[in-house]
Amino acid sequence: MPAARKPVSPLETHLGYWLRYVSNQVSYAFAAKVQACGVTVAEWVVLRELYDGECMPSALAARLGMTRGAISKLAERLSDKDLIRRSAKDGDGRAQTLSLAPGGRALVPKLAALADANDAEFFGHLDHTSLKTIEAAMREIIRRRGLKGVPVD
């Protein structure tokens, strides 16, 4: 007689399933919107961070929870697109500062508007209290788990 198998919970009984389901849809829709403007979500994140002021790549990597190598690759792509500038800090060729080029400065508000529109498409039907409750729950999970970094995928 075969051993009795323990019941296996269906996917839909897991909150993580629903979070991932919604997150994927929100992320894919936003990625398509920013790609229409010629950037990736990761590039958008870097552009948005630089919108507030110039920054050294190492500091940007720390803020975003990314490796310096990843920031270097993103900076190169954004520089090739003429969206950011890399300049030597205080005459030291090894230390660079990243800042927005005029094209990047003009693009950030457009991309921010797409982020706002994407949020409105997915969450606009929710009342203010529901939105704040969801946000508070997500922030509490982040705090308790000690999560760092900015989601870029």
C-alpha atoms as a PDB file:
ATOM      1  CA  MET A   1       0.000   0.000   0.000  1.00  0.00           C
ATOM      2  CA  PRO A   2       1.525   3.330  -1.013  1.00  0.00           C
ATOM      3  CA  ALA A   3       2.212   5.840   1.702  1.00  0.00           C
ATOM      4  CA  ALA A   4      -0.377   8.546   2.042  1.00  0.00           C
ATOM      5  CA  ARG A   5       0.773  11.764   0.457  1.00  0.00           C
ATOM      6  CA  LYS A   6       0.461  14.995   2.318  1.00  0.00           C
ATOM      7  CA  PRO A   7      -1.866  17.437   0.613  1.00  0.00           C
ATOM      8  CA  VAL A   8      -0.100  20.077  -1.463  1.00  0.00           C
ATOM      9  CA  SER A   9      -1.518  23.564  -1.288  1.00  0.00           C
ATOM     10  CA  PRO A  10      -2.689  25.117  -4.558  1.00  0.00           C
ATOM     11  CA  LEU A  11      -0.734  28.081  -5.894  1.00  0.00           C
ATOM     12  CA  GLU A  12      -3.687  30.404  -5.362  1.00  0.00           C
ATOM     13  CA  THR A  13      -3.626  29.880  -1.595  1.00  0.00           C
ATOM     14  CA  HIS A  14      -0.285  31.697  -1.329  1.00  0.00           C
ATOM     15  CA  LEU A  15      -0.234  35.466  -0.950  1.00  0.00           C
ATOM     16  CA  GLY A  16       3.139  35.469  -2.711  1.00  0.00           C
ATOM     17  CA  TYR A  17       1.444  34.049  -5.794  1.00  0.00           C
ATOM     18  CA  TRP A  18      -0.974  36.984  -5.936  1.00  0.00           C
ATOM     19  CA  LEU A  19       1.734  39.550  -5.207  1.00  0.00           C
ATOM     20  CA  ARG A  20       3.916  38.136  -7.982  1.00  0.00           C
ATOM     21  CA  TYR A  21       0.955  37.944 -10.372  1.00  0.00           C
ATOM     22  CA  VAL A  22       0.074  41.612  -9.902  1.00  0.00           C
ATOM     23  CA  SER A  23       3.716  42.718  -9.726  1.00  0.00           C
ATOM     24  CA  ASN A  24       4.541  41.025 -13.015  1.00  0.00           C
ATOM     25  CA  GLN A  25       1.608  42.666 -14.775  1.00  0.00           C
ATOM     26  CA  VAL A  26       2.435  46.112 -13.389  1.00  0.00           C
ATOM     27  CA  SER A  27       6.130  45.684 -14.228  1.00  0.00           C
ATOM     28  CA  TYR A  28       5.595  44.369 -17.760  1.00  0.00           C
ATOM     29  CA  ALA A  29       3.187  47.187 -18.591  1.00  0.00           C
ATOM     30  CA  PHE A  30       5.605  49.812 -17.273  1.00  0.00           C
ATOM     31  CA  ALA A  31       8.569  48.240 -19.072  1.00  0.00           C
ATOM     32  CA  ALA A  32       6.677  48.455 -22.363  1.00  0.00           C
ATOM     33  CA  LYS A  33       5.851  52.109 -21.730  1.00  0.00           C
ATOM     34  CA  VAL A  34       9.430  53.169 -20.994  1.00  0.00           C
ATOM     35  CA  GLN A  35      10.841  51.035 -23.804  1.00  0.00           C
ATOM     36  CA  ALA A  36       8.704  53.072 -26.183  1.00  0.00           C
ATOM     37  CA  CYS A  37      10.807  56.031 -24.985  1.00  0.00           C
ATOM     38  CA  GLY A  38      14.048  54.163 -25.632  1.00  0.00           C
ATOM     39  CA  VAL A  39      15.035  53.157 -22.097  1.00  0.00           C
ATOM     40  CA  THR A  40      14.773  50.145 -19.819  1.00  0.00           C
ATOM     41  CA  VAL A  41      13.288  50.169 -16.340  1.00  0.00           C
ATOM     42  CA  ALA A  42      16.794  49.961 -14.842  1.00  0.00           C
ATOM     43  CA  GLU A  43      17.862  52.964 -16.922  1.00  0.00           C
ATOM     44  CA  TRP A  44      14.754  54.858 -15.779  1.00  0.00           C
ATOM     45  CA  VAL A  45      15.673  54.187 -12.146  1.00  0.00           C
ATOM     46  CA  VAL A  46      19.177  55.609 -12.683  1.00  0.00           C
ATOM     47  CA  LEU A  47      17.826  58.623 -14.559  1.00  0.00           C
ATOM     48  CA  ARG A  48      15.305  59.324 -11.796  1.00  0.00           C
ATOM     49  CA  GLU A  49      17.996  59.116  -9.125  1.00  0.00           C
ATOM     50  CA  LEU A  50      20.222  61.528 -11.054  1.00  0.00           C
ATOM     51  CA  TYR A  51      17.321  63.942 -11.550  1.00  0.00           C
ATOM     52  CA  ASP A  52      17.832  65.067  -7.949  1.00  0.00           C
ATOM     53  CA  GLY A  53      21.525  65.804  -8.514  1.00  0.00           C
ATOM     54  CA  GLU A  54      24.846  64.459  -9.660  1.00  0.00           C
ATOM     55  CA  CYS A  55      26.277  61.416  -7.954  1.00  0.00           C
ATOM     56  CA  MET A  56      29.347  59.229  -7.886  1.00  0.00           C
ATOM     57  CA  PRO A  57      28.732  55.729  -9.310  1.00  0.00           C
ATOM     58  CA  SER A  58      29.685  54.053  -6.024  1.00  0.00           C
ATOM     59  CA  ALA A  59      27.154  56.133  -4.089  1.00  0.00           C
ATOM     60  CA  LEU A  60      24.490  55.447  -6.716  1.00  0.00           C
ATOM     61  CA  ALA A  61      25.202  51.715  -6.510  1.00  0.00           C
ATOM     62  CA  ALA A  62      24.841  51.799  -2.723  1.00  0.00           C
ATOM     63  CA  ARG A  63      21.560  53.762  -2.895  1.00  0.00           C
ATOM     64  CA  LEU A  64      20.069  51.418  -5.473  1.00  0.00           C
ATOM     65  CA  GLY A  65      21.408  48.184  -3.995  1.00  0.00           C
ATOM     66  CA  MET A  66      23.267  47.400  -7.212  1.00  0.00           C
ATOM     67  CA  THR A  67      26.857  46.483  -7.916  1.00  0.00           C
ATOM     68  CA  ARG A  68      29.253  49.128  -9.171  1.00  0.00           C
ATOM     69  CA  GLY A  69      29.679  46.997 -12.292  1.00  0.00           C
ATOM     70  CA  ALA A  70      25.943  47.138 -12.999  1.00  0.00           C
ATOM     71  CA  ILE A  71      25.942  50.905 -12.508  1.00  0.00           C
ATOM     72  CA  SER A  72      28.939  51.198 -14.817  1.00  0.00           C
ATOM     73  CA  LYS A  73      27.122  49.277 -17.579  1.00  0.00           C
ATOM     74  CA  LEU A  74      23.953  51.332 -17.127  1.00  0.00           C
ATOM     75  CA  ALA A  75      25.978  54.559 -17.134  1.00  0.00           C
ATOM     76  CA  GLU A  76      27.705  53.535 -20.348  1.00  0.00           C
ATOM     77  CA  ARG A  77      24.381  52.769 -22.060  1.00  0.00           C
ATOM     78  CA  LEU A  78      22.847  56.040 -20.855  1.00  0.00           C
ATOM     79  CA  SER A  79      25.930  57.969 -21.906  1.00  0.00           C
ATOM     80  CA  ASP A  80      25.784  56.358 -25.363  1.00  0.00           C
ATOM     81  CA  LYS A  81      22.151  57.534 -25.584  1.00  0.00           C
ATOM     82  CA  ASP A  82      23.324  61.037 -24.561  1.00  0.00           C
ATOM     83  CA  LEU A  83      21.076  60.973 -21.499  1.00  0.00           C
ATOM     84  CA  ILE A  84      23.800  61.290 -18.855  1.00  0.00           C
ATOM     85  CA  ARG A  85      27.255  62.825 -18.596  1.00  0.00           C
ATOM     86  CA  ARG A  86      30.283  61.307 -16.927  1.00  0.00           C
ATOM     87  CA  SER A  87      32.885  63.742 -15.707  1.00  0.00           C
ATOM     88  CA  ALA A  88      36.077  63.458 -13.732  1.00  0.00           C
ATOM     89  CA  LYS A  89      35.670  64.548 -10.130  1.00  0.00           C
ATOM     90  CA  ASP A  90      38.112  67.228  -9.022  1.00  0.00           C
ATOM     91  CA  GLY A  91      40.536  66.486 -11.841  1.00  0.00           C
ATOM     92  CA  ASP A  92      40.946  62.830 -10.800  1.00  0.00           C
ATOM     93  CA  GLY A  93      40.332  60.732 -13.922  1.00  0.00           C
ATOM     94  CA  ARG A  94      39.582  57.655 -11.839  1.00  0.00           C
ATOM     95  CA  ALA A  95      36.778  59.224  -9.821  1.00  0.00           C
ATOM     96  CA  GLN A  96      33.742  60.033 -11.919  1.00  0.00           C
ATOM     97  CA  THR A  97      30.554  61.903 -11.289  1.00  0.00           C
ATOM     98  CA  LEU A  98      27.336  61.078 -13.120  1.00  0.00           C
ATOM     99  CA  SER A  99      24.820  63.767 -14.014  1.00  0.00           C
ATOM    100  CA  LEU A 100      21.913  64.161 -16.380  1.00  0.00           C
ATOM    101  CA  ALA A 101      22.531  65.494 -19.853  1.00  0.00           C
ATOM    102  CA  PRO A 102      19.889  67.918 -21.178  1.00  0.00           C
ATOM    103  CA  GLY A 103      18.129  65.049 -22.976  1.00  0.00           C
ATOM    104  CA  GLY A 104      17.979  63.030 -19.774  1.00  0.00           C
ATOM    105  CA  ARG A 105      16.696  65.995 -17.766  1.00  0.00           C
ATOM    106  CA  ALA A 106      13.912  66.475 -20.323  1.00  0.00           C
ATOM    107  CA  LEU A 107      13.069  62.763 -20.422  1.00  0.00           C
ATOM    108  CA  VAL A 108      12.689  62.149 -16.671  1.00  0.00           C
ATOM    109  CA  PRO A 109       9.383  64.051 -16.248  1.00  0.00           C
ATOM    110  CA  LYS A 110       7.943  62.172 -19.254  1.00  0.00           C
ATOM    111  CA  LEU A 111       8.976  58.839 -17.755  1.00  0.00           C
ATOM    112  CA  ALA A 112       7.619  59.859 -14.346  1.00  0.00           C
ATOM    113  CA  ALA A 113       4.296  60.643 -15.992  1.00  0.00           C
ATOM    114  CA  LEU A 114       4.317  57.139 -17.500  1.00  0.00           C
ATOM    115  CA  ALA A 115       4.977  55.673 -14.033  1.00  0.00           C
ATOM    116  CA  ASP A 116       2.073  57.705 -12.651  1.00  0.00           C
ATOM    117  CA  ALA A 117      -0.191  56.564 -15.499  1.00  0.00           C
ATOM    118  CA  ASN A 118       0.838  52.940 -14.992  1.00  0.00           C
ATOM    119  CA  ASP A 119      -0.008  53.158 -11.294  1.00  0.00           C
ATOM    120  CA  ALA A 120      -3.350  54.768 -12.133  1.00  0.00           C
ATOM    121  CA  GLU A 121      -4.170  51.981 -14.614  1.00  0.00           C
ATOM    122  CA  PHE A 122      -3.565  49.254 -12.053  1.00  0.00           C
ATOM    123  CA  PHE A 123      -4.459  50.924  -8.774  1.00  0.00           C
ATOM    124  CA  GLY A 124      -6.652  53.898  -9.665  1.00  0.00           C
ATOM    125  CA  HIS A 125      -9.839  52.060  -8.725  1.00  0.00           C
ATOM    126  CA  LEU A 126      -8.662  51.648  -5.127  1.00  0.00           C
ATOM    127  CA  ASP A 127      -9.610  54.233  -2.523  1.00  0.00           C
ATOM    128  CA  HIS A 128      -6.962  56.204  -0.623  1.00  0.00           C
ATOM    129  CA  THR A 129      -7.302  54.082   2.517  1.00  0.00           C
ATOM    130  CA  SER A 130      -6.799  50.833   0.602  1.00  0.00           C
ATOM    131  CA  LEU A 131      -3.744  52.211  -1.163  1.00  0.00           C
ATOM    132  CA  LYS A 132      -2.192  53.360   2.102  1.00  0.00           C
ATOM    133  CA  THR A 133      -2.972  50.011   3.757  1.00  0.00           C
ATOM    134  CA  ILE A 134      -1.264  48.075   0.950  1.00  0.00           C
ATOM    135  CA  GLU A 135       1.724  50.425   0.970  1.00  0.00           C
ATOM    136  CA  ALA A 136       2.063  50.189   4.752  1.00  0.00           C
ATOM    137  CA  ALA A 137       1.949  46.387   4.607  1.00  0.00           C
ATOM    138  CA  MET A 138       4.643  46.295   1.903  1.00  0.00           C
ATOM    139  CA  ARG A 139       6.850  48.730   3.830  1.00  0.00           C
ATOM    140  CA  GLU A 140       6.454  46.663   6.988  1.00  0.00           C
ATOM    141  CA  ILE A 141       7.547  43.499   5.170  1.00  0.00           C
ATOM    142  CA  ILE A 142      10.550  45.382   3.751  1.00  0.00           C
ATOM    143  CA  ARG A 143      11.443  46.676   7.209  1.00  0.00           C
ATOM    144  CA  ARG A 144      11.071  43.338   8.971  1.00  0.00           C
ATOM    145  CA  ARG A 145      13.029  41.458   6.323  1.00  0.00           C
ATOM    146  CA  GLY A 146      15.733  44.134   6.112  1.00  0.00           C
ATOM    147  CA  LEU A 147      15.300  44.361   2.361  1.00  0.00           C
ATOM    148  CA  LYS A 148      17.517  46.820   0.517  1.00  0.00           C
ATOM    149  CA  GLY A 149      17.809  48.104  -2.999  1.00  0.00           C
ATOM    150  CA  VAL A 150      15.435  49.395  -5.580  1.00  0.00           C
ATOM    151  CA  PRO A 151      13.476  47.007  -7.799  1.00  0.00           C
ATOM    152  CA  VAL A 152      14.660  47.421 -11.365  1.00  0.00           C
ATOM    153  CA  ASP A 153      13.383  44.226 -13.021  1.00  0.00           C
END
